[in-house]
Amino acid sequence: MNKHEILVVDDEAQIRKLLQITLESNDYKVRLATNGKEAQISAAHHPPELIILDLGLPDKSGHIVLKELREWYNKSIIILSVIDNEEDIVSALDNGATDYLTKPFRTAELLARIRAAIRRNSTENDESNIKIGELEIDIISRTAKKKDEVLKLTSTEFNLLSLFARNEGRVLTHQFILKEIWGVGFQTETQYLRVFVGTLRKKIEDNPNQPKYIITESGVGYRFGKG
């Protein structure tokens, strides 16, 4: 029994009820909030393992709530919203959202994203050696293995792989990856990033054309999945 606690922040009663039933039936504890103020008070008094946050809240924008939570809350936040334009998605992810799903959502996909987000919380507590699927990444020795075979990676490829692995399950925007790996001056070089992702896929994927680790989130960035 996992009994991880999840805070659901949504002003629609039907959505809150649906999420509560779904999550509790999958052995999660659930707390509910109907607006940004309730969410911040609840999270402060009873810090949850994960927050599911709507952007369209009645008292303040979910974007603002996200920014304010990220001033102190360091665990996973999944955005669940009817808003599906690229600008809002990229903004939320760049401001610290772990993942972004649009309504209506598929229950199985939401549960899978929740599991990945909670695994990410655990991974952040011990980032020196990360195991994901058939991959093993040693951050200290800067080595990576697949099926116990050492991968021949360049320094940049290892940096990229370790960034992905440390953010398993989280959608990383093109701009975020470029800034983290190459610096602020490269944040518009998305083609540059695609080239390096392509070479890394050739080294870690069984079939680079059907990747199971580095998943493309169209128009937004990449998500590192579990093989």
Foldseek 3Di string as FASTA:
>chain_A
DPQFEEEEEAQDPVVLVVVCVLVVVVPYHYDYHNALVRVVVCCVVPPTQEYEFEQDGDPHGSLVSLLVCVVPRDAAYEYEYQDDDQVVQQSSLVSPHQYYHYPPDDSVVVVVLVVQRSVLVVCLVPVQWFDFAQKIAGPVVLWIDGVNHTFDDDPLLSQLVSVQRNSASGFDFQQRSCCSRPRNVCSVVSVVVVVSLQVSLVGHAPDSVDRQAWADDPPGGTHGYGD
